Each structure stands twice: as C-alpha cells, then as structure tokens.
Amino acid sequence: TVGIAVAGTIVLGFTVYIADTKSITNRTFFQFSLVTTFWGCV
C-alpha cells in the first residue's frame, strides 16, 4: 500500500509538473508531492 501510494504520488506530481513547468501551481504541487513521497517512505 505504501509502494502504490508513493508511486502514484510521484507519477501524479511529475505529470502535473511536465504539463507546464513554468506554472507556479504545477511547480508547487510537484514540490508537495516530492515531500509527501519522502514522508511516506520515512
């Protein structure tokens, strides 16, 4: 379950980010998803 959640978070964050790398919303969501991924793993 942690693996699925972490993988889903990374994929979603990266997908949103690459859709528009200049958007502050997309960049912030990607940062949030990275931190959430680290939190889930730790």
Full PDB file with SEQRES, HELIX, SHEET, SSBOND, CRYST1, ORIGX, SCALE, CONECT and MASTER records, all heavy atoms in Angstrom:
SEQRES   1 A   42  THR VAL GLY ILE ALA VAL ALA GLY THR ILE VAL LEU GLY          
SEQRES   2 A   42  PHE THR VAL TYR ILE ALA ASP THR LYS SER ILE THR ASN          
SEQRES   3 A   42  ARG THR PHE PHE GLN PHE SER LEU VAL THR THR PHE TRP          
SEQRES   4 A   42  GLY CYS VAL                                                  
HELIX    1 AA1 VAL A    2  ALA A   19  1                                  18    
HELIX    2 AA2 ILE A   24  CYS A   41  1                                  18    
CRYST1    1.000    1.000    1.000  90.00  90.00  90.00 P 1           1          
ORIGX1      1.000000  0.000000  0.000000        0.00000                         
ORIGX2      0.000000  1.000000  0.000000        0.00000                         
ORIGX3      0.000000  0.000000  1.000000        0.00000                         
SCALE1      1.000000  0.000000  0.000000        0.00000                         
SCALE2      0.000000  1.000000  0.000000        0.00000                         
SCALE3      0.000000  0.000000  1.000000        0.00000                         
ATOM      1  N   THR A   1       0.821  -1.211   0.000  1.00  0.00           N  
ATOM      2  CA  THR A   1       0.000   0.000   0.000  1.00  0.00           C  
ATOM      3  C   THR A   1       0.855   1.262   0.000  1.00  0.00           C  
ATOM      4  O   THR A   1       0.546   2.223  -0.708  1.00  0.00           O  
ATOM      5  CB  THR A   1      -0.975   0.021   1.193  1.00  0.00           C  
ATOM      6  OG1 THR A   1      -0.236  -0.107   2.402  1.00  0.00           O  
ATOM      7  CG2 THR A   1      -1.995  -1.090   1.088  1.00  0.00           C  
ATOM      8  N   VAL A   2       1.936   1.270   0.766  1.00  0.00           N  
ATOM      9  CA  VAL A   2       2.837   2.427   0.764  1.00  0.00           C  
ATOM     10  C   VAL A   2       3.499   2.564  -0.603  1.00  0.00           C  
ATOM     11  O   VAL A   2       3.617   3.667  -1.138  1.00  0.00           O  
ATOM     12  CB  VAL A   2       3.889   2.326   1.889  1.00  0.00           C  
ATOM     13  CG1 VAL A   2       4.975   3.375   1.719  1.00  0.00           C  
ATOM     14  CG2 VAL A   2       3.234   2.474   3.249  1.00  0.00           C  
ATOM     15  N   GLY A   3       3.909   1.458  -1.181  1.00  0.00           N  
ATOM     16  CA  GLY A   3       4.537   1.488  -2.506  1.00  0.00           C  
ATOM     17  C   GLY A   3       3.604   2.041  -3.570  1.00  0.00           C  
ATOM     18  O   GLY A   3       4.005   2.860  -4.405  1.00  0.00           O  
ATOM     19  N   ILE A   4       2.339   1.630  -3.540  1.00  0.00           N  
ATOM     20  CA  ILE A   4       1.365   2.135  -4.509  1.00  0.00           C  
ATOM     21  C   ILE A   4       1.130   3.622  -4.293  1.00  0.00           C  
ATOM     22  O   ILE A   4       1.091   4.407  -5.256  1.00  0.00           O  
ATOM     23  CB  ILE A   4       0.040   1.342  -4.409  1.00  0.00           C  
ATOM     24  CG1 ILE A   4       0.249  -0.088  -4.925  1.00  0.00           C  
ATOM     25  CG2 ILE A   4      -1.082   2.039  -5.174  1.00  0.00           C  
ATOM     26  CD1 ILE A   4      -0.914  -1.021  -4.662  1.00  0.00           C  
ATOM     27  N   ALA A   5       0.989   4.031  -3.026  1.00  0.00           N  
ATOM     28  CA  ALA A   5       0.755   5.452  -2.731  1.00  0.00           C  
ATOM     29  C   ALA A   5       1.942   6.311  -3.145  1.00  0.00           C  
ATOM     30  O   ALA A   5       1.773   7.382  -3.736  1.00  0.00           O  
ATOM     31  CB  ALA A   5       0.467   5.636  -1.248  1.00  0.00           C  
ATOM     32  N   VAL A   6       3.150   5.846  -2.854  1.00  0.00           N  
ATOM     33  CA  VAL A   6       4.363   6.593  -3.206  1.00  0.00           C  
ATOM     34  C   VAL A   6       4.507   6.681  -4.728  1.00  0.00           C  
ATOM     35  O   VAL A   6       4.765   7.755  -5.273  1.00  0.00           O  
ATOM     36  CB  VAL A   6       5.603   5.953  -2.546  1.00  0.00           C  
ATOM     37  CG1 VAL A   6       6.888   6.432  -3.189  1.00  0.00           C  
ATOM     38  CG2 VAL A   6       5.614   6.246  -1.050  1.00  0.00           C  
ATOM     39  N   ALA A   7       4.322   5.565  -5.399  1.00  0.00           N  
ATOM     40  CA  ALA A   7       4.434   5.572  -6.868  1.00  0.00           C  
ATOM     41  C   ALA A   7       3.375   6.470  -7.485  1.00  0.00           C  
ATOM     42  O   ALA A   7       3.672   7.258  -8.403  1.00  0.00           O  
ATOM     43  CB  ALA A   7       4.300   4.143  -7.406  1.00  0.00           C  
ATOM     44  N   GLY A   8       2.155   6.404  -7.001  1.00  0.00           N  
ATOM     45  CA  GLY A   8       1.092   7.254  -7.507  1.00  0.00           C  
ATOM     46  C   GLY A   8       1.372   8.726  -7.282  1.00  0.00           C  
ATOM     47  O   GLY A   8       1.122   9.564  -8.152  1.00  0.00           O  
ATOM     48  N   THR A   9       1.908   9.048  -6.105  1.00  0.00           N  
ATOM     49  CA  THR A   9       2.232  10.443  -5.786  1.00  0.00           C  
ATOM     50  C   THR A   9       3.323  10.975  -6.701  1.00  0.00           C  
ATOM     51  O   THR A   9       3.231  12.098  -7.208  1.00  0.00           O  
ATOM     52  CB  THR A   9       2.665  10.563  -4.310  1.00  0.00           C  
ATOM     53  OG1 THR A   9       1.615  10.075  -3.470  1.00  0.00           O  
ATOM     54  CG2 THR A   9       2.993  11.985  -3.930  1.00  0.00           C  
ATOM     55  N   ILE A  10       4.352  10.169  -6.929  1.00  0.00           N  
ATOM     56  CA  ILE A  10       5.445  10.593  -7.809  1.00  0.00           C  
ATOM     57  C   ILE A  10       4.945  10.779  -9.245  1.00  0.00           C  
ATOM     58  O   ILE A  10       5.244  11.786  -9.888  1.00  0.00           O  
ATOM     59  CB  ILE A  10       6.613   9.579  -7.772  1.00  0.00           C  
ATOM     60  CG1 ILE A  10       7.322   9.641  -6.424  1.00  0.00           C  
ATOM     61  CG2 ILE A  10       7.603   9.833  -8.888  1.00  0.00           C  
ATOM     62  CD1 ILE A  10       8.356   8.554  -6.229  1.00  0.00           C  
ATOM     63  N   VAL A  11       4.204   9.811  -9.735  1.00  0.00           N  
ATOM     64  CA  VAL A  11       3.702   9.887 -11.113  1.00  0.00           C  
ATOM     65  C   VAL A  11       2.779  11.095 -11.285  1.00  0.00           C  
ATOM     66  O   VAL A  11       2.911  11.859 -12.252  1.00  0.00           O  
ATOM     67  CB  VAL A  11       2.975   8.577 -11.516  1.00  0.00           C  
ATOM     68  CG1 VAL A  11       2.214   8.736 -12.818  1.00  0.00           C  
ATOM     69  CG2 VAL A  11       3.979   7.436 -11.622  1.00  0.00           C  
ATOM     70  N   LEU A  12       1.874  11.299 -10.340  1.00  0.00           N  
ATOM     71  CA  LEU A  12       0.954  12.432 -10.435  1.00  0.00           C  
ATOM     72  C   LEU A  12       1.711  13.757 -10.358  1.00  0.00           C  
ATOM     73  O   LEU A  12       1.473  14.659 -11.173  1.00  0.00           O  
ATOM     74  CB  LEU A  12      -0.093  12.358  -9.326  1.00  0.00           C  
ATOM     75  CG  LEU A  12      -1.146  13.459  -9.327  1.00  0.00           C  
ATOM     76  CD1 LEU A  12      -1.956  13.421 -10.616  1.00  0.00           C  
ATOM     77  CD2 LEU A  12      -2.051  13.311  -8.116  1.00  0.00           C  
ATOM     78  N   GLY A  13       2.627  13.882  -9.414  1.00  0.00           N  
ATOM     79  CA  GLY A  13       3.401  15.114  -9.277  1.00  0.00           C  
ATOM     80  C   GLY A  13       4.222  15.418 -10.516  1.00  0.00           C  
ATOM     81  O   GLY A  13       4.255  16.558 -10.990  1.00  0.00           O  
ATOM     82  N   PHE A  14       4.891  14.406 -11.047  1.00  0.00           N  
ATOM     83  CA  PHE A  14       5.719  14.599 -12.233  1.00  0.00           C  
ATOM     84  C   PHE A  14       4.859  14.921 -13.454  1.00  0.00           C  
ATOM     85  O   PHE A  14       5.219  15.788 -14.262  1.00  0.00           O  
ATOM     86  CB  PHE A  14       6.586  13.364 -12.489  1.00  0.00           C  
ATOM     87  CG  PHE A  14       7.571  13.543 -13.590  1.00  0.00           C  
ATOM     88  CD1 PHE A  14       8.673  14.375 -13.430  1.00  0.00           C  
ATOM     89  CD2 PHE A  14       7.416  12.896 -14.806  1.00  0.00           C  
ATOM     90  CE1 PHE A  14       9.595  14.562 -14.459  1.00  0.00           C  
ATOM     91  CE2 PHE A  14       8.324  13.070 -15.841  1.00  0.00           C  
ATOM     92  CZ  PHE A  14       9.417  13.907 -15.655  1.00  0.00           C  
ATOM     93  N   THR A  15       3.729  14.257 -13.587  1.00  0.00           N  
ATOM     94  CA  THR A  15       2.839  14.504 -14.722  1.00  0.00           C  
ATOM     95  C   THR A  15       2.319  15.934 -14.709  1.00  0.00           C  
ATOM     96  O   THR A  15       2.300  16.607 -15.749  1.00  0.00           O  
ATOM     97  CB  THR A  15       1.657  13.512 -14.705  1.00  0.00           C  
ATOM     98  OG1 THR A  15       2.178  12.185 -14.733  1.00  0.00           O  
ATOM     99  CG2 THR A  15       0.735  13.727 -15.885  1.00  0.00           C  
ATOM    100  N   VAL A  16       1.906  16.404 -13.538  1.00  0.00           N  
ATOM    101  CA  VAL A  16       1.424  17.782 -13.420  1.00  0.00           C  
ATOM    102  C   VAL A  16       2.557  18.758 -13.729  1.00  0.00           C  
ATOM    103  O   VAL A  16       2.360  19.747 -14.438  1.00  0.00           O  
ATOM    104  CB  VAL A  16       0.837  18.033 -12.010  1.00  0.00           C  
ATOM    105  CG1 VAL A  16       0.619  19.512 -11.755  1.00  0.00           C  
ATOM    106  CG2 VAL A  16      -0.465  17.259 -11.837  1.00  0.00           C  
ATOM    107  N   TYR A  17       3.747  18.461 -13.224  1.00  0.00           N  
ATOM    108  CA  TYR A  17       4.891  19.359 -13.435  1.00  0.00           C  
ATOM    109  C   TYR A  17       5.253  19.476 -14.912  1.00  0.00           C  
ATOM    110  O   TYR A  17       5.432  20.580 -15.426  1.00  0.00           O  
ATOM    111  CB  TYR A  17       6.088  18.888 -12.628  1.00  0.00           C  
ATOM    112  CG  TYR A  17       7.331  19.690 -12.874  1.00  0.00           C  
ATOM    113  CD1 TYR A  17       7.434  21.005 -12.437  1.00  0.00           C  
ATOM    114  CD2 TYR A  17       8.409  19.141 -13.560  1.00  0.00           C  
ATOM    115  CE1 TYR A  17       8.574  21.755 -12.666  1.00  0.00           C  
ATOM    116  CE2 TYR A  17       9.555  19.879 -13.797  1.00  0.00           C  
ATOM    117  CZ  TYR A  17       9.634  21.185 -13.352  1.00  0.00           C  
ATOM    118  OH  TYR A  17      10.765  21.928 -13.586  1.00  0.00           O  
ATOM    119  N   ILE A  18       5.359  18.361 -15.614  1.00  0.00           N  
ATOM    120  CA  ILE A  18       5.790  18.429 -17.020  1.00  0.00           C  
ATOM    121  C   ILE A  18       4.704  19.003 -17.929  1.00  0.00           C  
ATOM    122  O   ILE A  18       5.000  19.409 -19.050  1.00  0.00           O  
ATOM    123  CB  ILE A  18       6.296  17.071 -17.567  1.00  0.00           C  
ATOM    124  CG1 ILE A  18       5.196  16.023 -17.550  1.00  0.00           C  
ATOM    125  CG2 ILE A  18       7.520  16.612 -16.813  1.00  0.00           C  
ATOM    126  CD1 ILE A  18       5.563  14.736 -18.275  1.00  0.00           C  
ATOM    127  N   ALA A  19       3.457  19.056 -17.452  1.00  0.00           N  
ATOM    128  CA  ALA A  19       2.391  19.656 -18.258  1.00  0.00           C  
ATOM    129  C   ALA A  19       2.649  21.145 -18.483  1.00  0.00           C  
ATOM    130  O   ALA A  19       2.319  21.673 -19.550  1.00  0.00           O  
ATOM    131  CB  ALA A  19       1.040  19.452 -17.580  1.00  0.00           C  
ATOM    132  N   ASP A  20       3.252  21.808 -17.496  1.00  0.00           N  
ATOM    133  CA  ASP A  20       3.603  23.226 -17.631  1.00  0.00           C  
ATOM    134  C   ASP A  20       4.642  23.544 -16.562  1.00  0.00           C  
ATOM    135  O   ASP A  20       4.293  23.880 -15.432  1.00  0.00           O  
ATOM    136  CB  ASP A  20       2.373  24.119 -17.475  1.00  0.00           C  
ATOM    137  CG  ASP A  20       2.693  25.598 -17.685  1.00  0.00           C  
ATOM    138  OD1 ASP A  20       3.851  25.934 -18.004  1.00  0.00           O  
ATOM    139  OD2 ASP A  20       1.768  26.419 -17.526  1.00  0.00           O  
ATOM    140  N   THR A  21       5.910  23.436 -16.936  1.00  0.00           N  
ATOM    141  CA  THR A  21       6.991  23.607 -15.961  1.00  0.00           C  
ATOM    142  C   THR A  21       7.137  25.037 -15.464  1.00  0.00           C  
ATOM    143  O   THR A  21       7.790  25.274 -14.447  1.00  0.00           O  
ATOM    144  CB  THR A  21       8.344  23.139 -16.552  1.00  0.00           C  
ATOM    145  OG1 THR A  21       8.612  23.899 -17.732  1.00  0.00           O  
ATOM    146  CG2 THR A  21       8.313  21.661 -16.871  1.00  0.00           C  
ATOM    147  N   LYS A  22       6.543  25.996 -16.154  1.00  0.00           N  
ATOM    148  CA  LYS A  22       6.658  27.396 -15.732  1.00  0.00           C  
ATOM    149  C   LYS A  22       5.553  27.816 -14.767  1.00  0.00           C  
ATOM    150  O   LYS A  22       5.654  28.858 -14.136  1.00  0.00           O  
ATOM    151  CB  LYS A  22       6.669  28.303 -16.955  1.00  0.00           C  
ATOM    152  CG  LYS A  22       7.901  28.108 -17.807  1.00  0.00           C  
ATOM    153  CD  LYS A  22       7.911  29.018 -18.997  1.00  0.00           C  
ATOM    154  CE  LYS A  22       9.175  28.731 -19.820  1.00  0.00           C  
ATOM    155  NZ  LYS A  22       9.263  29.560 -20.995  1.00  0.00           N  
ATOM    156  N   SER A  23       4.519  27.012 -14.635  1.00  0.00           N  
ATOM    157  CA  SER A  23       3.398  27.341 -13.761  1.00  0.00           C  
ATOM    158  C   SER A  23       3.803  27.189 -12.292  1.00  0.00           C  
ATOM    159  O   SER A  23       4.311  26.144 -11.881  1.00  0.00           O  
ATOM    160  CB  SER A  23       2.211  26.427 -14.058  1.00  0.00           C  
ATOM    161  OG  SER A  23       1.238  26.528 -13.047  1.00  0.00           O  
ATOM    162  N   ILE A  24       3.567  28.223 -11.492  1.00  0.00           N  
ATOM    163  CA  ILE A  24       3.880  28.170 -10.064  1.00  0.00           C  
ATOM    164  C   ILE A  24       3.035  27.106  -9.368  1.00  0.00           C  
ATOM    165  O   ILE A  24       3.495  26.433  -8.446  1.00  0.00           O  
ATOM    166  CB  ILE A  24       3.707  29.558  -9.389  1.00  0.00           C  
ATOM    167  CG1 ILE A  24       4.187  29.533  -7.932  1.00  0.00           C  
ATOM    168  CG2 ILE A  24       2.271  30.023  -9.447  1.00  0.00           C  
ATOM    169  CD1 ILE A  24       5.657  29.396  -7.765  1.00  0.00           C  
ATOM    170  N   THR A  25       1.801  26.925  -9.819  1.00  0.00           N  
ATOM    171  CA  THR A  25       0.941  25.899  -9.236  1.00  0.00           C  
ATOM    172  C   THR A  25       1.515  24.511  -9.495  1.00  0.00           C  
ATOM    173  O   THR A  25       1.590  23.678  -8.579  1.00  0.00           O  
ATOM    174  CB  THR A  25      -0.493  26.006  -9.800  1.00  0.00           C  
ATOM    175  OG1 THR A  25      -1.024  27.283  -9.461  1.00  0.00           O  
ATOM    176  CG2 THR A  25      -1.386  24.929  -9.247  1.00  0.00           C  
ATOM    177  N   ASN A  26       1.930  24.256 -10.716  1.00  0.00           N  
ATOM    178  CA  ASN A  26       2.485  22.945 -11.060  1.00  0.00           C  
ATOM    179  C   ASN A  26       3.793  22.677 -10.321  1.00  0.00           C  
ATOM    180  O   ASN A  26       4.022  21.569  -9.828  1.00  0.00           O  
ATOM    181  CB  ASN A  26       2.697  22.836 -12.569  1.00  0.00           C  
ATOM    182  CG  ASN A  26       1.389  22.841 -13.327  1.00  0.00           C  
ATOM    183  OD1 ASN A  26       0.350  23.210 -12.790  1.00  0.00           O  
ATOM    184  ND2 ASN A  26       1.438  22.452 -14.584  1.00  0.00           N  
ATOM    185  N   ARG A  27       4.649  23.688 -10.239  1.00  0.00           N  
ATOM    186  CA  ARG A  27       5.924  23.513  -9.520  1.00  0.00           C  
ATOM    187  C   ARG A  27       5.680  23.258  -8.040  1.00  0.00           C  
ATOM    188  O   ARG A  27       6.334  22.408  -7.423  1.00  0.00           O  
ATOM    189  CB  ARG A  27       6.821  24.719  -9.713  1.00  0.00           C  
ATOM    190  CG  ARG A  27       7.423  24.813 -11.096  1.00  0.00           C  
ATOM    191  CD  ARG A  27       8.373  25.954 -11.193  1.00  0.00           C  
ATOM    192  NE  ARG A  27       7.702  27.170 -10.673  1.00  0.00           N  
ATOM    193  CZ  ARG A  27       7.998  28.375 -11.016  1.00  0.00           C  
ATOM    194  NH1 ARG A  27       8.973  28.603 -11.855  1.00  0.00           N  
ATOM    195  NH2 ARG A  27       7.341  29.406 -10.537  1.00  0.00           N  
ATOM    196  N   THR A  28       4.748  24.001  -7.458  1.00  0.00           N  
ATOM    197  CA  THR A  28       4.464  23.836  -6.035  1.00  0.00           C  
ATOM    198  C   THR A  28       3.828  22.477  -5.759  1.00  0.00           C  
ATOM    199  O   THR A  28       4.149  21.825  -4.772  1.00  0.00           O  
ATOM    200  CB  THR A  28       3.542  24.969  -5.536  1.00  0.00           C  
ATOM    201  OG1 THR A  28       4.148  26.222  -5.855  1.00  0.00           O  
ATOM    202  CG2 THR A  28       3.314  24.884  -4.049  1.00  0.00           C  
ATOM    203  N   PHE A  29       2.940  22.042  -6.644  1.00  0.00           N  
ATOM    204  CA  PHE A  29       2.354  20.713  -6.483  1.00  0.00           C  
ATOM    205  C   PHE A  29       3.422  19.636  -6.580  1.00  0.00           C  
ATOM    206  O   PHE A  29       3.397  18.657  -5.822  1.00  0.00           O  
ATOM    207  CB  PHE A  29       1.261  20.467  -7.521  1.00  0.00           C  
ATOM    208  CG  PHE A  29       0.588  19.134  -7.350  1.00  0.00           C  
ATOM    209  CD1 PHE A  29      -0.351  18.957  -6.354  1.00  0.00           C  
ATOM    210  CD2 PHE A  29       0.910  18.073  -8.165  1.00  0.00           C  
ATOM    211  CE1 PHE A  29      -0.967  17.723  -6.167  1.00  0.00           C  
ATOM    212  CE2 PHE A  29       0.308  16.836  -7.990  1.00  0.00           C  
ATOM    213  CZ  PHE A  29      -0.636  16.656  -6.992  1.00  0.00           C  
ATOM    214  N   PHE A  30       4.363  19.809  -7.486  1.00  0.00           N  
ATOM    215  CA  PHE A  30       5.457  18.842  -7.619  1.00  0.00           C  
ATOM    216  C   PHE A  30       6.308  18.817  -6.344  1.00  0.00           C  
ATOM    217  O   PHE A  30       6.671  17.746  -5.858  1.00  0.00           O  
ATOM    218  CB  PHE A  30       6.311  19.180  -8.841  1.00  0.00           C  
ATOM    219  CG  PHE A  30       7.433  18.215  -9.077  1.00  0.00           C  
ATOM    220  CD1 PHE A  30       7.182  16.875  -9.333  1.00  0.00           C  
ATOM    221  CD2 PHE A  30       8.752  18.646  -9.055  1.00  0.00           C  
ATOM    222  CE1 PHE A  30       8.212  15.982  -9.559  1.00  0.00           C  
ATOM    223  CE2 PHE A  30       9.790  17.758  -9.275  1.00  0.00           C  
ATOM    224  CZ  PHE A  30       9.517  16.416  -9.533  1.00  0.00           C  
ATOM    225  N   GLN A  31       6.619  19.980  -5.784  1.00  0.00           N  
ATOM    226  CA  GLN A  31       7.373  20.035  -4.527  1.00  0.00           C  
ATOM    227  C   GLN A  31       6.596  19.354  -3.408  1.00  0.00           C  
ATOM    228  O   GLN A  31       7.169  18.586  -2.619  1.00  0.00           O  
ATOM    229  CB  GLN A  31       7.675  21.493  -4.152  1.00  0.00           C  
ATOM    230  CG  GLN A  31       8.628  22.170  -5.086  1.00  0.00           C  
ATOM    231  CD  GLN A  31       8.633  23.689  -4.933  1.00  0.00           C  
ATOM    232  OE1 GLN A  31       7.720  24.279  -4.380  1.00  0.00           O  
ATOM    233  NE2 GLN A  31       9.675  24.320  -5.460  1.00  0.00           N  
ATOM    234  N   PHE A  32       5.306  19.624  -3.351  1.00  0.00           N  
ATOM    235  CA  PHE A  32       4.462  18.990  -2.345  1.00  0.00           C  
ATOM    236  C   PHE A  32       4.466  17.471  -2.512  1.00  0.00           C  
ATOM    237  O   PHE A  32       4.569  16.726  -1.535  1.00  0.00           O  
ATOM    238  CB  PHE A  32       3.032  19.541  -2.429  1.00  0.00           C  
ATOM    239  CG  PHE A  32       2.054  18.818  -1.565  1.00  0.00           C  
ATOM    240  CD1 PHE A  32       2.078  18.965  -0.189  1.00  0.00           C  
ATOM    241  CD2 PHE A  32       1.100  17.982  -2.123  1.00  0.00           C  
ATOM    242  CE1 PHE A  32       1.172  18.286   0.625  1.00  0.00           C  
ATOM    243  CE2 PHE A  32       0.197  17.304  -1.334  1.00  0.00           C  
ATOM    244  CZ  PHE A  32       0.235  17.460   0.047  1.00  0.00           C  
ATOM    245  N   SER A  33       4.379  17.002  -3.746  1.00  0.00           N  
ATOM    246  CA  SER A  33       4.354  15.556  -3.986  1.00  0.00           C  
ATOM    247  C   SER A  33       5.695  14.905  -3.636  1.00  0.00           C  
ATOM    248  O   SER A  33       5.716  13.786  -3.111  1.00  0.00           O  
ATOM    249  CB  SER A  33       3.936  15.242  -5.425  1.00  0.00           C  
ATOM    250  OG  SER A  33       4.900  15.671  -6.348  1.00  0.00           O  
ATOM    251  N   LEU A  34       6.804  15.601  -3.886  1.00  0.00           N  
ATOM    252  CA  LEU A  34       8.107  15.052  -3.507  1.00  0.00           C  
ATOM    253  C   LEU A  34       8.237  14.925  -1.997  1.00  0.00           C  
ATOM    254  O   LEU A  34       8.673  13.881  -1.481  1.00  0.00           O  
ATOM    255  CB  LEU A  34       9.240  15.928  -4.046  1.00  0.00           C  
ATOM    256  CG  LEU A  34       9.543  15.835  -5.527  1.00  0.00           C  
ATOM    257  CD1 LEU A  34      10.649  16.813  -5.909  1.00  0.00           C  
ATOM    258  CD2 LEU A  34       9.935  14.419  -5.916  1.00  0.00           C  
ATOM    259  N   VAL A  35       7.856  15.963  -1.281  1.00  0.00           N  
ATOM    260  CA  VAL A  35       7.933  15.934   0.181  1.00  0.00           C  
ATOM    261  C   VAL A  35       6.997  14.856   0.734  1.00  0.00           C  
ATOM    262  O   VAL A  35       7.354  14.137   1.667  1.00  0.00           O  
ATOM    263  CB  VAL A  35       7.610  17.327   0.771  1.00  0.00           C  
ATOM    264  CG1 VAL A  35       7.405  17.262   2.261  1.00  0.00           C  
ATOM    265  CG2 VAL A  35       8.729  18.298   0.431  1.00  0.00           C  
ATOM    266  N   THR A  36       5.817  14.724   0.139  1.00  0.00           N  
ATOM    267  CA  THR A  36       4.875  13.690   0.571  1.00  0.00           C  
ATOM    268  C   THR A  36       5.444  12.297   0.336  1.00  0.00           C  
ATOM    269  O   THR A  36       5.269  11.400   1.165  1.00  0.00           O  
ATOM    270  CB  THR A  36       3.526  13.864  -0.164  1.00  0.00           C  
ATOM    271  OG1 THR A  36       3.007  15.154   0.150  1.00  0.00           O  
ATOM    272  CG2 THR A  36       2.532  12.803   0.230  1.00  0.00           C  
ATOM    273  N   THR A  37       6.146  12.124  -0.765  1.00  0.00           N  
ATOM    274  CA  THR A  37       6.793  10.851  -1.059  1.00  0.00           C  
ATOM    275  C   THR A  37       7.853  10.518  -0.012  1.00  0.00           C  
ATOM    276  O   THR A  37       7.883   9.393   0.521  1.00  0.00           O  
ATOM    277  CB  THR A  37       7.434  10.894  -2.459  1.00  0.00           C  
ATOM    278  OG1 THR A  37       6.406  11.079  -3.423  1.00  0.00           O  
ATOM    279  CG2 THR A  37       8.199   9.627  -2.763  1.00  0.00           C  
ATOM    280  N   PHE A  38       8.701  11.483   0.310  1.00  0.00           N  
ATOM    281  CA  PHE A  38       9.725  11.254   1.337  1.00  0.00           C  
ATOM    282  C   PHE A  38       9.083  10.967   2.688  1.00  0.00           C  
ATOM    283  O   PHE A  38       9.520  10.086   3.420  1.00  0.00           O  
ATOM    284  CB  PHE A  38      10.684  12.446   1.445  1.00  0.00           C  
ATOM    285  CG  PHE A  38      11.641  12.546   0.302  1.00  0.00           C  
ATOM    286  CD1 PHE A  38      11.685  13.688  -0.478  1.00  0.00           C  
ATOM    287  CD2 PHE A  38      12.503  11.511   0.000  1.00  0.00           C  
ATOM    288  CE1 PHE A  38      12.567  13.793  -1.543  1.00  0.00           C  
ATOM    289  CE2 PHE A  38      13.391  11.598  -1.063  1.00  0.00           C  
ATOM    290  CZ  PHE A  38      13.416  12.742  -1.835  1.00  0.00           C  
ATOM    291  N   TRP A  39       8.017  11.715   3.024  1.00  0.00           N  
ATOM    292  CA  TRP A  39       7.328  11.494   4.283  1.00  0.00           C  
ATOM    293  C   TRP A  39       6.766  10.069   4.349  1.00  0.00           C  
ATOM    294  O   TRP A  39       6.913   9.388   5.359  1.00  0.00           O  
ATOM    295  CB  TRP A  39       6.193  12.512   4.468  1.00  0.00           C  
ATOM    296  CG  TRP A  39       5.410  12.250   5.711  1.00  0.00           C  
ATOM    297  CD1 TRP A  39       5.717  12.628   6.982  1.00  0.00           C  
ATOM    298  CD2 TRP A  39       4.193  11.502   5.800  1.00  0.00           C  
ATOM    299  NE1 TRP A  39       4.764  12.184   7.844  1.00  0.00           N  
ATOM    300  CE2 TRP A  39       3.811  11.482   7.142  1.00  0.00           C  
ATOM    301  CE3 TRP A  39       3.393  10.859   4.856  1.00  0.00           C  
ATOM    302  CZ2 TRP A  39       2.665  10.844   7.590  1.00  0.00           C  
ATOM    303  CZ3 TRP A  39       2.244  10.217   5.304  1.00  0.00           C  
ATOM    304  CH2 TRP A  39       1.897  10.214   6.646  1.00  0.00           C  
ATOM    305  N   GLY A  40       6.142   9.615   3.266  1.00  0.00           N  
ATOM    306  CA  GLY A  40       5.582   8.270   3.234  1.00  0.00           C  
ATOM    307  C   GLY A  40       6.642   7.195   3.414  1.00  0.00           C  
ATOM    308  O   GLY A  40       6.450   6.225   4.156  1.00  0.00           O  
ATOM    309  N   CYS A  41       7.776   7.371   2.754  1.00  0.00           N  
ATOM    310  CA  CYS A  41       8.871   6.394   2.865  1.00  0.00           C  
ATOM    311  C   CYS A  41       9.464   6.369   4.272  1.00  0.00           C  
ATOM    312  O   CYS A  41       9.669   5.296   4.851  1.00  0.00           O  
ATOM    313  CB  CYS A  41       9.957   6.698   1.839  1.00  0.00           C  
ATOM    314  SG  CYS A  41       9.452   6.434   0.134  1.00  0.00           S  
ATOM    315  N   VAL A  42       9.732   7.536   4.820  1.00  0.00           N  
ATOM    316  CA  VAL A  42      10.322   7.612   6.160  1.00  0.00           C  
ATOM    317  C   VAL A  42       9.330   7.094   7.195  1.00  0.00           C  
ATOM    318  O   VAL A  42       9.710   6.389   8.133  1.00  0.00           O  
ATOM    319  CB  VAL A  42      10.776   9.059   6.483  1.00  0.00           C  
ATOM    320  CG1 VAL A  42      11.188   9.208   7.930  1.00  0.00           C  
ATOM    321  CG2 VAL A  42      11.917   9.462   5.568  1.00  0.00           C  
TER     322      VAL A  42                                                      
MASTER        0    0    0    2    0    0    0    6  321    1    0    4          
END                                                                             
